[in-house]
Amino acid sequence: MSDTAPPVSPPEPLRPSLHPAELGKLTRKAVSRADTHHWSIEELPWKALRPEELTETDRSVVRFITFIEDHIPGYLTYFLDAFPVSGEDLAIEEFCFNREYFRFLISWANEEERHASVLTRYQIEAGISDPDTLLRELAEEGRKKFSLPYESPVQAFTYTLIQEKATQLFYQRFKAVATEPVLRELLHRLARDEARHFAFYTEILTAYITRHGLAATIPDLKDVLSTFRMPLADTLNGYWRWSLRVADAVSYNHTEAYGALIRLVNNFSTTKGGASTADLAEFIHRIRAV
């Protein structure tokens, strides 16, 4: 008979959650902001379009971001699968949480669909592509499945926070080097929308940390940071080479968005929180140095 102690199973990782009512307050606030800042594609000064001012790099970047934005059916499908709102096997609490998040998802999807539509129209109006060719190109990529390797809401929300911030920064950088007037106005509007989406996820993550503490949340943040890829990184044909050219053209690095997590965590600057902030900052520094 062996006197070796049986192995002890590690504890289940904490899966932070929010009360549906708490999430509901945040989603209603976000939807209200979206309503206040709504804009129409027709508002853009299309008659001021000057295609001759577009460089070949501008055209390439517009094509690239159109693919990213046009994948909204795939993104929405993922989130609806991850946060289902139908099925009698769903616990009432889980359904209520998902139902509140659904309110934001529909508003967000509407805005992202507008991004896709306006970029598609811009390509056609500027002569970057023709309707039939563009339709088929977008369909070829759009039918590919989008997924994320995360198992908890806080991980999915953290990923989206970083992605929204990175996209906002990209549009701002692109606007800074673009000269074509309609494109500059379009990028301004896209960046403003992405900033609001980022604000919503910042508020959600702040609520998670407030409720569960940094010690419970930091591991999820690190998991997302260590696996983060921008949307379509693993599916869009030629993504990596294309994305590097695009990033060089506008002096952009998506890891700059990681600083948003540092600033968020800094808001919890107790003695214990300060240590967590330093640890997360060092973790991000190591990632960016790779």
Protein backbone atom coordinates (compact mmCIF):
# COMPACT_ATOMS: atom_id res chain seq x y z
CA MET A 1 0.00 0.00 0.00
CA SER A 2 1.53 3.31 -1.01
CA ASP A 3 1.59 6.16 1.46
CA THR A 4 1.90 8.72 -1.34
CA ALA A 5 -0.85 11.31 -1.08
CA PRO A 6 -3.26 11.32 -4.00
CA PRO A 7 -2.82 14.24 -6.38
CA VAL A 8 -4.89 17.26 -5.54
CA SER A 9 -6.85 18.73 -8.40
CA PRO A 10 -6.25 22.43 -8.90
CA PRO A 11 -9.18 24.65 -8.00
CA GLU A 12 -11.48 25.74 -10.76
CA PRO A 13 -10.47 29.18 -12.01
CA LEU A 14 -12.71 31.97 -10.87
CA ARG A 15 -15.06 33.08 -13.62
CA PRO A 16 -16.01 36.64 -12.66
CA SER A 17 -19.59 37.61 -13.41
CA LEU A 18 -21.78 40.66 -13.14
CA HIS A 19 -25.37 40.90 -12.02
CA PRO A 20 -27.60 41.33 -15.09
CA ALA A 21 -28.99 44.59 -13.69
CA GLU A 22 -25.48 46.00 -13.40
CA LEU A 23 -24.69 45.05 -16.98
CA GLY A 24 -28.06 46.46 -18.04
CA LYS A 25 -27.15 49.91 -16.73
CA LEU A 26 -23.98 49.88 -18.82
CA THR A 27 -25.66 48.64 -22.00
CA ARG A 28 -28.45 51.21 -21.78
CA LYS A 29 -25.88 53.95 -21.31
CA ALA A 30 -23.91 52.73 -24.33
CA VAL A 31 -26.99 52.46 -26.53
CA SER A 32 -28.07 55.96 -25.50
CA ARG A 33 -24.64 57.31 -26.48
CA ALA A 34 -24.94 55.57 -29.84
CA ASP A 35 -28.34 57.16 -30.46
CA THR A 36 -26.96 60.59 -29.59
CA HIS A 37 -24.01 60.24 -31.98
CA HIS A 38 -25.81 58.51 -34.82
CA TRP A 39 -24.71 59.50 -38.32
CA SER A 40 -25.78 58.60 -41.82
CA ILE A 41 -23.66 57.55 -44.79
CA GLU A 42 -25.44 60.21 -46.82
CA GLU A 43 -24.06 62.89 -44.48
CA LEU A 44 -20.58 62.46 -45.89
CA PRO A 45 -19.60 65.14 -48.44
CA TRP A 46 -19.47 62.73 -51.38
CA LYS A 47 -19.38 65.56 -53.93
CA ALA A 48 -16.06 66.66 -52.42
CA LEU A 49 -14.42 63.30 -53.19
CA ARG A 50 -11.01 63.71 -54.85
CA PRO A 51 -9.81 60.22 -55.93
CA GLU A 52 -6.69 61.73 -57.51
CA GLU A 53 -5.43 62.57 -54.02
CA LEU A 54 -5.36 58.90 -53.02
CA THR A 55 -1.97 57.23 -53.03
CA GLU A 56 -1.59 53.56 -53.86
CA THR A 57 -0.95 53.01 -50.17
CA ASP A 58 -4.21 54.79 -49.29
CA ARG A 59 -6.07 52.51 -51.67
CA SER A 60 -4.45 49.42 -50.17
CA VAL A 61 -5.28 50.50 -46.63
CA VAL A 62 -8.91 51.22 -47.54
CA ARG A 63 -9.22 47.77 -49.11
CA PHE A 64 -7.69 46.19 -46.01
CA ILE A 65 -9.98 47.89 -43.50
CA THR A 66 -13.02 47.15 -45.65
CA PHE A 67 -12.33 43.43 -45.28
CA ILE A 68 -12.01 43.85 -41.51
CA GLU A 69 -15.19 45.90 -41.07
CA ASP A 70 -17.25 43.85 -43.53
CA HIS A 71 -16.84 40.71 -41.42
CA ILE A 72 -19.52 41.97 -39.02
CA PRO A 73 -21.85 38.99 -39.73
CA GLY A 74 -19.08 36.69 -38.52
CA TYR A 75 -18.31 38.76 -35.43
CA LEU A 76 -21.99 39.02 -34.49
CA THR A 77 -22.53 35.29 -35.03
CA TYR A 78 -19.65 34.53 -32.67
CA PHE A 79 -20.99 36.74 -29.89
CA LEU A 80 -24.55 35.46 -30.25
CA ASP A 81 -23.22 31.90 -29.95
CA ALA A 82 -21.02 32.82 -27.00
CA PHE A 83 -23.84 34.67 -25.21
CA PRO A 84 -26.98 32.78 -26.32
CA VAL A 85 -30.43 34.24 -25.78
CA SER A 86 -32.49 31.17 -26.60
CA GLY A 87 -32.72 27.67 -25.15
CA GLU A 88 -34.69 26.37 -22.19
CA ASP A 89 -31.52 24.82 -20.81
CA LEU A 90 -30.15 28.30 -20.08
CA ALA A 91 -30.17 29.23 -16.42
CA ILE A 92 -32.36 32.28 -15.78
CA GLU A 93 -29.41 34.30 -14.47
CA GLU A 94 -27.33 33.44 -17.54
CA PHE A 95 -30.18 34.31 -19.89
CA CYS A 96 -30.75 37.64 -18.15
CA PHE A 97 -27.04 38.50 -18.41
CA ASN A 98 -26.94 37.58 -22.10
CA ARG A 99 -30.19 39.40 -22.77
CA GLU A 100 -28.77 42.63 -21.37
CA TYR A 101 -25.59 42.25 -23.42
CA PHE A 102 -27.73 41.56 -26.50
CA ARG A 103 -29.07 45.14 -26.28
CA PHE A 104 -25.57 46.47 -26.84
CA LEU A 105 -24.68 43.87 -29.48
CA ILE A 106 -27.55 44.92 -31.73
CA SER A 107 -26.65 48.61 -31.47
CA TRP A 108 -22.95 47.82 -31.98
CA ALA A 109 -23.66 45.58 -34.98
CA ASN A 110 -25.72 48.33 -36.58
CA GLU A 111 -22.79 50.75 -36.27
CA GLU A 112 -20.27 48.22 -37.55
CA GLU A 113 -22.55 47.42 -40.49
CA ARG A 114 -22.57 51.14 -41.30
CA HIS A 115 -18.76 51.07 -41.23
CA ALA A 116 -18.74 48.21 -43.70
CA SER A 117 -21.29 49.88 -45.94
CA VAL A 118 -19.59 53.27 -46.01
CA LEU A 119 -16.19 51.74 -46.80
CA THR A 120 -17.75 49.66 -49.56
CA ARG A 121 -19.36 52.75 -51.05
CA TYR A 122 -16.11 54.70 -50.71
CA GLN A 123 -14.21 52.05 -52.69
CA ILE A 124 -16.76 52.21 -55.48
CA GLU A 125 -17.10 56.03 -55.53
CA ALA A 126 -13.31 56.45 -55.51
CA GLY A 127 -12.76 53.86 -58.23
CA ILE A 128 -10.78 51.53 -55.98
CA SER A 129 -13.01 48.63 -57.00
CA ASP A 130 -16.20 47.96 -58.92
CA PRO A 131 -19.40 46.64 -57.29
CA ASP A 132 -19.32 43.09 -58.69
CA THR A 133 -15.63 42.49 -57.96
CA LEU A 134 -15.89 43.93 -54.47
CA LEU A 135 -19.01 41.91 -53.66
CA ARG A 136 -17.26 38.66 -54.54
CA GLU A 137 -14.02 39.58 -52.75
CA LEU A 138 -15.86 40.43 -49.55
CA ALA A 139 -17.99 37.27 -49.81
CA GLU A 140 -14.88 35.10 -50.19
CA GLU A 141 -13.52 36.36 -46.86
CA GLY A 142 -16.84 37.01 -45.17
CA ARG A 143 -17.96 33.38 -45.28
CA LYS A 144 -14.95 32.32 -43.18
CA LYS A 145 -15.78 31.61 -39.54
CA PHE A 146 -14.64 33.99 -36.82
CA SER A 147 -13.88 32.64 -33.35
CA LEU A 148 -11.98 33.51 -30.18
CA PRO A 149 -10.16 31.07 -27.88
CA TYR A 150 -11.79 32.27 -24.65
CA GLU A 151 -14.01 30.59 -22.10
CA SER A 152 -15.27 33.38 -19.87
CA PRO A 153 -17.12 36.65 -20.44
CA VAL A 154 -14.35 38.77 -18.96
CA GLN A 155 -11.86 37.31 -21.44
CA ALA A 156 -14.12 38.03 -24.41
CA PHE A 157 -14.75 41.54 -23.12
CA THR A 158 -11.05 42.17 -22.57
CA TYR A 159 -10.25 41.05 -26.11
CA THR A 160 -12.88 43.37 -27.51
CA LEU A 161 -11.68 46.30 -25.39
CA ILE A 162 -8.18 45.95 -26.86
CA GLN A 163 -9.48 45.42 -30.39
CA GLU A 164 -11.76 48.47 -30.27
CA LYS A 165 -8.97 50.66 -28.88
CA ALA A 166 -6.50 49.39 -31.47
CA THR A 167 -8.97 50.11 -34.26
CA GLN A 168 -9.64 53.60 -32.94
CA LEU A 169 -5.91 54.35 -32.83
CA PHE A 170 -5.45 52.99 -36.34
CA TYR A 171 -8.15 55.19 -37.83
CA GLN A 172 -6.68 58.23 -36.09
CA ARG A 173 -3.21 57.45 -37.45
CA PHE A 174 -4.56 56.85 -40.95
CA LYS A 175 -6.43 60.15 -40.88
CA ALA A 176 -3.21 61.93 -39.88
CA VAL A 177 -1.47 60.86 -43.11
CA ALA A 178 -4.43 60.83 -45.52
CA THR A 179 -5.14 63.91 -47.63
CA GLU A 180 -8.32 62.98 -49.53
CA PRO A 181 -11.07 65.01 -47.78
CA VAL A 182 -13.92 62.49 -47.80
CA LEU A 183 -11.63 59.75 -46.54
CA ARG A 184 -10.47 61.99 -43.70
CA GLU A 185 -14.05 62.72 -42.68
CA LEU A 186 -14.95 59.04 -42.91
CA LEU A 187 -11.99 58.05 -40.71
CA HIS A 188 -12.94 60.68 -38.15
CA ARG A 189 -16.41 59.18 -37.84
CA LEU A 190 -15.12 55.61 -37.67
CA ALA A 191 -12.61 56.51 -34.94
CA ARG A 192 -15.31 58.27 -32.92
CA ASP A 193 -17.56 55.20 -33.04
CA GLU A 194 -14.72 52.88 -32.04
CA ALA A 195 -13.88 55.18 -29.12
CA ARG A 196 -17.44 54.77 -27.80
CA HIS A 197 -17.27 50.99 -28.18
CA PHE A 198 -13.98 51.02 -26.28
CA ALA A 199 -15.57 53.13 -23.54
CA PHE A 200 -18.34 50.57 -23.07
CA TYR A 201 -15.90 47.68 -22.63
CA THR A 202 -13.79 49.78 -20.29
CA GLU A 203 -16.86 50.28 -18.11
CA ILE A 204 -17.63 46.55 -18.14
CA LEU A 205 -14.09 45.60 -17.19
CA THR A 206 -14.06 48.27 -14.49
CA ALA A 207 -17.23 46.73 -13.07
CA TYR A 208 -15.64 43.25 -13.10
CA ILE A 209 -12.57 44.43 -11.24
CA THR A 210 -14.63 46.43 -8.77
CA ARG A 211 -16.74 43.39 -7.95
CA HIS A 212 -14.07 40.67 -7.97
CA GLY A 213 -10.77 42.44 -7.38
CA LEU A 214 -7.57 42.62 -9.39
CA ALA A 215 -6.23 39.32 -8.11
CA ALA A 216 -9.18 37.46 -9.64
CA THR A 217 -9.16 39.43 -12.91
CA ILE A 218 -5.47 39.86 -13.78
CA PRO A 219 -5.01 36.20 -14.88
CA ASP A 220 -7.79 36.65 -17.45
CA LEU A 221 -6.21 39.89 -18.69
CA LYS A 222 -2.86 38.15 -19.10
CA ASP A 223 -4.43 35.22 -20.92
CA VAL A 224 -5.98 37.56 -23.48
CA LEU A 225 -2.80 39.59 -23.91
CA SER A 226 -0.70 36.49 -24.48
CA THR A 227 -3.03 35.17 -27.19
CA PHE A 228 -4.28 38.40 -28.76
CA ARG A 229 -4.63 38.61 -32.53
CA MET A 230 -6.44 41.31 -34.45
CA PRO A 231 -9.64 40.17 -36.22
CA LEU A 232 -9.10 38.01 -39.33
CA ALA A 233 -5.40 37.59 -38.55
CA ASP A 234 -5.73 33.85 -39.10
CA THR A 235 -8.23 33.85 -41.97
CA LEU A 236 -7.73 36.82 -44.32
CA ASN A 237 -5.57 35.86 -47.29
CA GLY A 238 -2.15 37.52 -47.01
CA TYR A 239 -3.08 39.11 -43.70
CA TRP A 240 0.33 39.27 -42.02
CA ARG A 241 2.31 40.73 -44.91
CA TRP A 242 -0.52 43.11 -45.77
CA SER A 243 -1.04 44.22 -42.16
CA LEU A 244 2.68 44.98 -41.75
CA ARG A 245 2.65 47.18 -44.85
CA VAL A 246 -0.46 48.94 -43.61
CA ALA A 247 1.00 49.47 -40.13
CA ASP A 248 4.22 50.89 -41.55
CA ALA A 249 2.28 53.25 -43.81
CA VAL A 250 0.47 54.90 -40.89
CA SER A 251 3.13 54.43 -38.16
CA TYR A 252 0.91 52.14 -36.14
CA ASN A 253 1.39 49.22 -33.77
CA HIS A 254 -1.67 47.49 -32.34
CA THR A 255 0.16 46.71 -29.09
CA GLU A 256 -0.10 50.40 -28.23
CA ALA A 257 -3.68 49.57 -27.29
CA TYR A 258 -2.40 47.39 -24.45
CA GLY A 259 -1.66 50.58 -22.54
CA ALA A 260 -5.41 51.01 -22.12
CA LEU A 261 -5.41 48.06 -19.72
CA ILE A 262 -2.60 49.60 -17.70
CA ARG A 263 -4.51 52.86 -17.38
CA LEU A 264 -7.66 50.98 -16.38
CA VAL A 265 -5.87 48.92 -13.74
CA ASN A 266 -4.14 52.05 -12.45
CA ASN A 267 -7.52 53.29 -11.31
CA PHE A 268 -7.44 50.57 -8.66
CA SER A 269 -4.28 51.93 -7.06
CA THR A 270 -4.43 50.43 -3.59
CA THR A 271 -1.20 48.93 -2.27
CA LYS A 272 -2.26 45.53 -3.53
CA GLY A 273 -3.50 47.04 -6.78
CA GLY A 274 -0.22 48.88 -7.28
CA ALA A 275 1.65 45.58 -7.27
CA SER A 276 -0.81 44.15 -9.75
CA THR A 277 -0.39 47.17 -12.00
CA ALA A 278 3.39 46.81 -12.01
CA ASP A 279 3.09 43.09 -12.72
CA LEU A 280 0.72 43.67 -15.64
CA ALA A 281 2.92 46.45 -17.02
CA GLU A 282 5.97 44.17 -16.96
CA PHE A 283 3.95 41.38 -18.60
CA ILE A 284 2.92 43.74 -21.43
CA HIS A 285 6.48 44.98 -21.80
CA ARG A 286 7.71 41.39 -22.32
CA ILE A 287 5.00 40.73 -24.92
CA ARG A 288 5.80 43.87 -26.88
CA ALA A 289 9.51 43.05 -26.82
CA VAL A 290 9.01 39.74 -28.63
